[in-house]
PDB file of N, CA and C in Angstrom:
ATOM      1  N   MET A   1       0.733  -1.127  -0.017  1.00  0.00           N
ATOM      2  CA  MET A   1      -0.096  -0.078  -0.019  1.00  0.00           C
ATOM      3  C   MET A   1       0.954   1.153   0.152  1.00  0.00           C
ATOM      4  N   SER A   2       0.515   2.261  -0.881  1.00  0.00           N
ATOM      5  CA  SER A   2       1.379   3.299  -1.162  1.00  0.00           C
ATOM      6  C   SER A   2       0.691   4.601  -0.319  1.00  0.00           C
ATOM      7  N   ASN A   3       1.663   5.238   0.364  1.00  0.00           N
ATOM      8  CA  ASN A   3       1.303   6.496   0.918  1.00  0.00           C
ATOM      9  C   ASN A   3       1.372   7.830   0.259  1.00  0.00           C
ATOM     10  N   TYR A   4       2.009   7.679  -0.880  1.00  0.00           N
ATOM     11  CA  TYR A   4       2.131   8.804  -1.799  1.00  0.00           C
ATOM     12  C   TYR A   4       0.968   9.023  -2.543  1.00  0.00           C
ATOM     13  N   GLN A   5       0.680  10.760  -2.816  1.00  0.00           N
ATOM     14  CA  GLN A   5      -0.310  11.123  -3.358  1.00  0.00           C
ATOM     15  C   GLN A   5      -0.019  11.335  -4.743  1.00  0.00           C
ATOM     16  N   SER A   6      -0.993  11.498  -5.448  1.00  0.00           N
ATOM     17  CA  SER A   6      -0.614  11.589  -7.177  1.00  0.00           C
ATOM     18  C   SER A   6      -1.504  12.739  -7.627  1.00  0.00           C
ATOM     19  N   VAL A   7      -0.963  13.456  -8.622  1.00  0.00           N
ATOM     20  CA  VAL A   7      -1.466  14.637  -9.283  1.00  0.00           C
ATOM     21  C   VAL A   7      -1.272  14.274 -10.646  1.00  0.00           C
ATOM     22  N   SER A   8      -2.564  14.326 -11.403  1.00  0.00           N
ATOM     23  CA  SER A   8      -2.515  14.100 -12.792  1.00  0.00           C
ATOM     24  C   SER A   8      -2.109  15.437 -13.515  1.00  0.00           C
ATOM     25  N   ILE A   9      -1.241  15.429 -14.581  1.00  0.00           N
ATOM     26  CA  ILE A   9      -1.211  16.554 -15.427  1.00  0.00           C
ATOM     27  C   ILE A   9      -2.156  16.468 -16.620  1.00  0.00           C
ATOM     28  N   THR A  10      -2.871  17.565 -16.468  1.00  0.00           N
ATOM     29  CA  THR A  10      -4.045  17.453 -17.657  1.00  0.00           C
ATOM     30  C   THR A  10      -3.595  18.365 -18.760  1.00  0.00           C
ATOM     31  N   SER A  11      -4.337  17.978 -19.968  1.00  0.00           N
ATOM     32  CA  SER A  11      -4.273  18.878 -21.145  1.00  0.00           C
ATOM     33  C   SER A  11      -4.198  20.180 -20.773  1.00  0.00           C
ATOM     34  N   ALA A  12      -5.145  20.822 -20.108  1.00  0.00           N
ATOM     35  CA  ALA A  12      -5.057  22.163 -19.729  1.00  0.00           C
ATOM     36  C   ALA A  12      -3.751  22.854 -19.091  1.00  0.00           C
ATOM     37  N   MET A  13      -3.283  21.901 -18.213  1.00  0.00           N
ATOM     38  CA  MET A  13      -2.158  22.455 -17.489  1.00  0.00           C
ATOM     39  C   MET A  13      -0.777  22.279 -18.482  1.00  0.00           C
ATOM     40  N   LEU A  14      -0.963  21.462 -19.343  1.00  0.00           N
ATOM     41  CA  LEU A  14       0.019  21.246 -20.612  1.00  0.00           C
ATOM     42  C   LEU A  14      -0.086  22.544 -21.392  1.00  0.00           C
ATOM     43  N   SER A  15      -1.041  22.880 -21.765  1.00  0.00           N
ATOM     44  CA  SER A  15      -1.266  23.752 -22.740  1.00  0.00           C
ATOM     45  C   SER A  15      -0.782  25.216 -22.011  1.00  0.00           C
ATOM     46  N   TYR A  16      -1.285  25.472 -20.636  1.00  0.00           N
ATOM     47  CA  TYR A  16      -0.658  26.664 -20.095  1.00  0.00           C
ATOM     48  C   TYR A  16       0.524  26.669 -19.842  1.00  0.00           C
ATOM     49  N   ALA A  17       1.306  25.611 -19.342  1.00  0.00           N
ATOM     50  CA  ALA A  17       2.849  25.609 -19.463  1.00  0.00           C
ATOM     51  C   ALA A  17       3.526  25.880 -20.660  1.00  0.00           C
ATOM     52  N   ASN A  18       2.884  25.460 -21.733  1.00  0.00           N
ATOM     53  CA  ASN A  18       3.486  25.571 -23.131  1.00  0.00           C
ATOM     54  C   ASN A  18       3.390  27.113 -23.417  1.00  0.00           C
ATOM     55  N   GLU A  19       2.020  27.603 -23.133  1.00  0.00           N
ATOM     56  CA  GLU A  19       2.057  29.119 -23.604  1.00  0.00           C
ATOM     57  C   GLU A  19       2.952  29.821 -22.533  1.00  0.00           C
ATOM     58  N   ALA A  20       2.921  29.733 -21.229  1.00  0.00           N
ATOM     59  CA  ALA A  20       3.767  30.421 -20.301  1.00  0.00           C
ATOM     60  C   ALA A  20       5.237  30.371 -20.568  1.00  0.00           C
ATOM     61  N   SER A  21       5.665  29.173 -21.169  1.00  0.00           N
ATOM     62  CA  SER A  21       7.196  29.087 -21.169  1.00  0.00           C
ATOM     63  C   SER A  21       7.885  30.157 -22.072  1.00  0.00           C
ATOM     64  N   THR A  22       7.232  30.489 -22.967  1.00  0.00           N
ATOM     65  CA  THR A  22       7.931  31.636 -23.670  1.00  0.00           C
ATOM     66  C   THR A  22       8.027  33.017 -22.975  1.00  0.00           C
ATOM     67  N   HIS A  23       7.254  33.133 -22.066  1.00  0.00           N
ATOM     68  CA  HIS A  23       7.344  34.325 -21.163  1.00  0.00           C
ATOM     69  C   HIS A  23       8.137  34.124 -19.894  1.00  0.00           C
ATOM     70  N   THR A  24       8.357  32.951 -19.369  1.00  0.00           N
ATOM     71  CA  THR A  24       8.885  32.799 -18.180  1.00  0.00           C
ATOM     72  C   THR A  24      10.342  32.229 -18.255  1.00  0.00           C
ATOM     73  N   SER A  25      10.790  31.840 -19.439  1.00  0.00           N
ATOM     74  CA  SER A  25      12.282  31.237 -19.031  1.00  0.00           C
ATOM     75  C   SER A  25      13.192  32.307 -18.767  1.00  0.00           C
ATOM     76  N   VAL A  26      14.308  31.610 -18.180  1.00  0.00           N
ATOM     77  CA  VAL A  26      15.259  32.414 -17.444  1.00  0.00           C
ATOM     78  C   VAL A  26      16.728  32.270 -18.210  1.00  0.00           C
ATOM     79  N   ASN A  27      17.585  33.073 -18.050  1.00  0.00           N
ATOM     80  CA  ASN A  27      18.914  32.870 -18.811  1.00  0.00           C
ATOM     81  C   ASN A  27      19.815  32.074 -17.927  1.00  0.00           C
ATOM     82  N   ARG A  28      19.902  30.936 -18.356  1.00  0.00           N
ATOM     83  CA  ARG A  28      20.707  29.837 -17.564  1.00  0.00           C
ATOM     84  C   ARG A  28      21.072  28.752 -18.661  1.00  0.00           C
ATOM     85  N   THR A  29      21.851  27.890 -18.196  1.00  0.00           N
ATOM     86  CA  THR A  29      22.125  26.732 -19.052  1.00  0.00           C
ATOM     87  C   THR A  29      20.730  25.930 -19.338  1.00  0.00           C
ATOM     88  N   ILE A  30      20.494  25.649 -20.562  1.00  0.00           N
ATOM     89  CA  ILE A  30      19.332  24.811 -21.023  1.00  0.00           C
ATOM     90  C   ILE A  30      19.717  23.679 -21.512  1.00  0.00           C
ATOM     91  N   ALA A  31      19.503  22.391 -20.827  1.00  0.00           N
ATOM     92  CA  ALA A  31      19.839  21.131 -21.389  1.00  0.00           C
ATOM     93  C   ALA A  31      18.977  20.659 -22.483  1.00  0.00           C
ATOM     94  N   SER A  32      17.575  21.109 -22.420  1.00  0.00           N
ATOM     95  CA  SER A  32      16.713  20.593 -23.229  1.00  0.00           C
ATOM     96  C   SER A  32      15.691  21.737 -23.523  1.00  0.00           C
ATOM     97  N   PRO A  33      15.162  21.828 -24.690  1.00  0.00           N
ATOM     98  CA  PRO A  33      14.152  22.860 -25.074  1.00  0.00           C
ATOM     99  C   PRO A  33      12.672  22.553 -24.155  1.00  0.00           C
ATOM    100  N   PHE A  34      12.713  21.555 -23.423  1.00  0.00           N
ATOM    101  CA  PHE A  34      11.560  21.281 -22.564  1.00  0.00           C
ATOM    102  C   PHE A  34      11.761  21.621 -21.323  1.00  0.00           C
ATOM    103  N   ASP A  35      12.976  22.151 -20.805  1.00  0.00           N
ATOM    104  CA  ASP A  35      13.283  22.490 -19.324  1.00  0.00           C
ATOM    105  C   ASP A  35      12.432  23.396 -18.788  1.00  0.00           C
ATOM    106  N   THR A  36      11.913  24.429 -19.512  1.00  0.00           N
ATOM    107  CA  THR A  36      10.978  25.485 -18.807  1.00  0.00           C
ATOM    108  C   THR A  36       9.885  24.886 -18.743  1.00  0.00           C
ATOM    109  N   ILE A  37       9.268  24.205 -19.666  1.00  0.00           N
ATOM    110  CA  ILE A  37       7.769  23.564 -19.715  1.00  0.00           C
ATOM    111  C   ILE A  37       7.801  22.607 -18.582  1.00  0.00           C
ATOM    112  N   THR A  38       8.756  21.695 -18.480  1.00  0.00           N
ATOM    113  CA  THR A  38       9.021  20.593 -17.284  1.00  0.00           C
ATOM    114  C   THR A  38       8.881  21.409 -15.831  1.00  0.00           C
ATOM    115  N   GLY A  39       9.653  22.395 -15.866  1.00  0.00           N
ATOM    116  CA  GLY A  39       9.687  23.214 -14.487  1.00  0.00           C
ATOM    117  C   GLY A  39       8.314  23.713 -14.181  1.00  0.00           C
ATOM    118  N   LEU A  40       7.811  24.238 -15.230  1.00  0.00           N
ATOM    119  CA  LEU A  40       6.146  24.863 -14.933  1.00  0.00           C
ATOM    120  C   LEU A  40       5.516  23.919 -14.756  1.00  0.00           C
ATOM    121  N   LEU A  41       5.570  22.704 -15.389  1.00  0.00           N
ATOM    122  CA  LEU A  41       4.674  21.498 -14.943  1.00  0.00           C
ATOM    123  C   LEU A  41       4.511  20.973 -13.671  1.00  0.00           C
ATOM    124  N   GLY A  42       5.884  20.940 -13.229  1.00  0.00           N
ATOM    125  CA  GLY A  42       6.260  20.726 -11.789  1.00  0.00           C
ATOM    126  C   GLY A  42       5.472  21.567 -10.809  1.00  0.00           C
ATOM    127  N   GLU A  43       5.437  22.958 -11.128  1.00  0.00           N
ATOM    128  CA  GLU A  43       5.030  24.065 -10.036  1.00  0.00           C
ATOM    129  C   GLU A  43       3.471  23.751 -10.231  1.00  0.00           C
ATOM    130  N   LEU A  44       2.911  23.541 -11.305  1.00  0.00           N
ATOM    131  CA  LEU A  44       1.359  23.591 -11.620  1.00  0.00           C
ATOM    132  C   LEU A  44       1.038  22.124 -10.912  1.00  0.00           C
ATOM    133  N   ALA A  45       1.782  21.176 -10.934  1.00  0.00           N
ATOM    134  CA  ALA A  45       1.399  19.873 -10.059  1.00  0.00           C
ATOM    135  C   ALA A  45       1.329  20.122  -8.706  1.00  0.00           C
ATOM    136  N   PHE A  46       2.607  20.886  -8.319  1.00  0.00           N
ATOM    137  CA  PHE A  46       2.506  21.022  -6.861  1.00  0.00           C
ATOM    138  C   PHE A  46       1.474  22.037  -6.274  1.00  0.00           C
ATOM    139  N   ALA A  47       1.080  22.944  -7.131  1.00  0.00           N
ATOM    140  CA  ALA A  47       0.133  23.883  -6.824  1.00  0.00           C
ATOM    141  C   ALA A  47      -1.299  23.109  -6.645  1.00  0.00           C
ATOM    142  N   GLN A  48      -1.653  21.988  -7.431  1.00  0.00           N
ATOM    143  CA  GLN A  48      -2.693  21.394  -7.455  1.00  0.00           C
ATOM    144  C   GLN A  48      -2.770  20.609  -6.303  1.00  0.00           C
ATOM    145  N   TRP A  49      -1.610  19.970  -5.804  1.00  0.00           N
ATOM    146  CA  TRP A  49      -1.652  19.493  -4.313  1.00  0.00           C
ATOM    147  C   TRP A  49      -1.716  20.428  -3.199  1.00  0.00           C
ATOM    148  N   PHE A  50      -0.865  21.479  -3.369  1.00  0.00           N
ATOM    149  CA  PHE A  50      -0.750  22.485  -2.141  1.00  0.00           C
ATOM    150  C   PHE A  50      -1.965  23.078  -2.113  1.00  0.00           C
ATOM    151  N   LEU A  51      -2.420  23.824  -3.187  1.00  0.00           N
ATOM    152  CA  LEU A  51      -3.687  24.696  -3.205  1.00  0.00           C
ATOM    153  C   LEU A  51      -4.873  24.220  -3.206  1.00  0.00           C
ATOM    154  N   GLY A  52      -4.952  22.914  -3.930  1.00  0.00           N
ATOM    155  CA  GLY A  52      -6.146  22.290  -4.521  1.00  0.00           C
ATOM    156  C   GLY A  52      -6.620  22.637  -5.781  1.00  0.00           C
ATOM    157  N   ASP A  53      -6.071  23.827  -6.304  1.00  0.00           N
ATOM    158  CA  ASP A  53      -6.499  24.276  -7.721  1.00  0.00           C
ATOM    159  C   ASP A  53      -5.445  24.582  -8.260  1.00  0.00           C
ATOM    160  N   TRP A  54      -4.723  24.155  -9.328  1.00  0.00           N
ATOM    161  CA  TRP A  54      -3.550  24.497  -9.942  1.00  0.00           C
ATOM    162  C   TRP A  54      -3.624  25.936 -10.745  1.00  0.00           C
ATOM    163  N   GLN A  55      -4.827  26.406 -11.082  1.00  0.00           N
ATOM    164  CA  GLN A  55      -5.409  27.626 -11.543  1.00  0.00           C
ATOM    165  C   GLN A  55      -5.092  28.703 -10.628  1.00  0.00           C
ATOM    166  N   ARG A  56      -4.996  28.410  -9.382  1.00  0.00           N
ATOM    167  CA  ARG A  56      -4.920  29.502  -8.476  1.00  0.00           C
ATOM    168  C   ARG A  56      -3.224  30.145  -8.313  1.00  0.00           C
ATOM    169  N   HIS A  57      -2.480  29.373  -9.176  1.00  0.00           N
ATOM    170  CA  HIS A  57      -1.100  29.830  -9.129  1.00  0.00           C
ATOM    171  C   HIS A  57      -0.765  30.511 -10.560  1.00  0.00           C
ATOM    172  N   ASP A  58      -0.081  31.567 -10.409  1.00  0.00           N
ATOM    173  CA  ASP A  58       0.186  32.374 -11.542  1.00  0.00           C
ATOM    174  C   ASP A  58       1.625  32.303 -11.776  1.00  0.00           C
ATOM    175  N   VAL A  59       2.086  31.419 -12.744  1.00  0.00           N
ATOM    176  CA  VAL A  59       3.418  31.333 -13.027  1.00  0.00           C
ATOM    177  C   VAL A  59       4.141  32.539 -13.495  1.00  0.00           C
ATOM    178  N   TYR A  60       3.315  33.531 -14.278  1.00  0.00           N
ATOM    179  CA  TYR A  60       3.699  34.688 -14.778  1.00  0.00           C
ATOM    180  C   TYR A  60       4.325  35.350 -13.740  1.00  0.00           C
ATOM    181  N   ASN A  61       3.895  35.405 -12.605  1.00  0.00           N
ATOM    182  CA  ASN A  61       4.381  36.475 -11.418  1.00  0.00           C
ATOM    183  C   ASN A  61       5.320  35.880 -10.565  1.00  0.00           C
ATOM    184  N   THR A  62       6.070  34.883 -10.827  1.00  0.00           N
ATOM    185  CA  THR A  62       6.931  34.202  -9.851  1.00  0.00           C
ATOM    186  C   THR A  62       8.313  34.345 -10.200  1.00  0.00           C
ATOM    187  N   LYS A  63       8.841  34.697 -11.423  1.00  0.00           N
ATOM    188  CA  LYS A  63      10.110  34.833 -11.989  1.00  0.00           C
ATOM    189  C   LYS A  63      11.028  35.655 -11.012  1.00  0.00           C
ATOM    190  N   GLY A  64      11.983  35.102 -10.605  1.00  0.00           N
ATOM    191  CA  GLY A  64      12.927  35.608  -9.663  1.00  0.00           C
ATOM    192  C   GLY A  64      12.464  35.706  -8.253  1.00  0.00           C
ATOM    193  N   LYS A  65      11.338  35.165  -8.004  1.00  0.00           N
ATOM    194  CA  LYS A  65      10.705  35.009  -6.542  1.00  0.00           C
ATOM    195  C   LYS A  65      10.476  33.716  -6.217  1.00  0.00           C
ATOM    196  N   SER A  66      10.047  33.566  -4.976  1.00  0.00           N
ATOM    197  CA  SER A  66       9.550  32.090  -4.618  1.00  0.00           C
ATOM    198  C   SER A  66       8.424  31.735  -5.342  1.00  0.00           C
ATOM    199  N   ASP A  67       8.213  30.603  -5.634  1.00  0.00           N
ATOM    200  CA  ASP A  67       7.223  30.027  -6.382  1.00  0.00           C
ATOM    201  C   ASP A  67       5.821  30.104  -5.714  1.00  0.00           C
ATOM    202  N   PHE A  68       5.945  30.234  -4.318  1.00  0.00           N
ATOM    203  CA  PHE A  68       4.675  29.988  -3.491  1.00  0.00           C
ATOM    204  C   PHE A  68       4.777  31.024  -2.369  1.00  0.00           C
ATOM    205  N   PHE A  69       3.455  31.380  -2.018  1.00  0.00           N
ATOM    206  CA  PHE A  69       3.553  32.736  -1.180  1.00  0.00           C
ATOM    207  C   PHE A  69       3.721  32.157   0.448  1.00  0.00           C
ATOM    208  N   ARG A  70       3.336  30.807   0.808  1.00  0.00           N
ATOM    209  CA  ARG A  70       3.445  30.403   2.012  1.00  0.00           C
ATOM    210  C   ARG A  70       4.798  29.506   2.235  1.00  0.00           C
ATOM    211  N   SER A  71       5.503  29.723   3.372  1.00  0.00           N
ATOM    212  CA  SER A  71       6.533  28.855   3.753  1.00  0.00           C
ATOM    213  C   SER A  71       5.985  27.437   3.993  1.00  0.00           C
ATOM    214  N   ILE A  72       6.914  26.395   3.465  1.00  0.00           N
ATOM    215  CA  ILE A  72       6.672  24.905   3.769  1.00  0.00           C
ATOM    216  C   ILE A  72       7.506  24.485   4.676  1.00  0.00           C
ATOM    217  N   SER A  73       7.007  23.831   5.912  1.00  0.00           N
ATOM    218  CA  SER A  73       7.955  23.253   6.752  1.00  0.00           C
ATOM    219  C   SER A  73       7.404  21.737   7.126  1.00  0.00           C
TER     220      SER A  73
END
């Protein structure tokens, strides 16, 4: 029996991450053209788990800041 929770990545999340990736990429070493999208999908999956609704998380407003407004302990 697993104690792990899962979050499904939906087509809406993928579309949002794909659109946002052109506006949120940072100047750093990029190993793959999918690095930014993958990172955004991770943020959205965490937001779904943490906030209960990934659409409450604005990836356009976190560049250079903490991804989430609350500290996690």
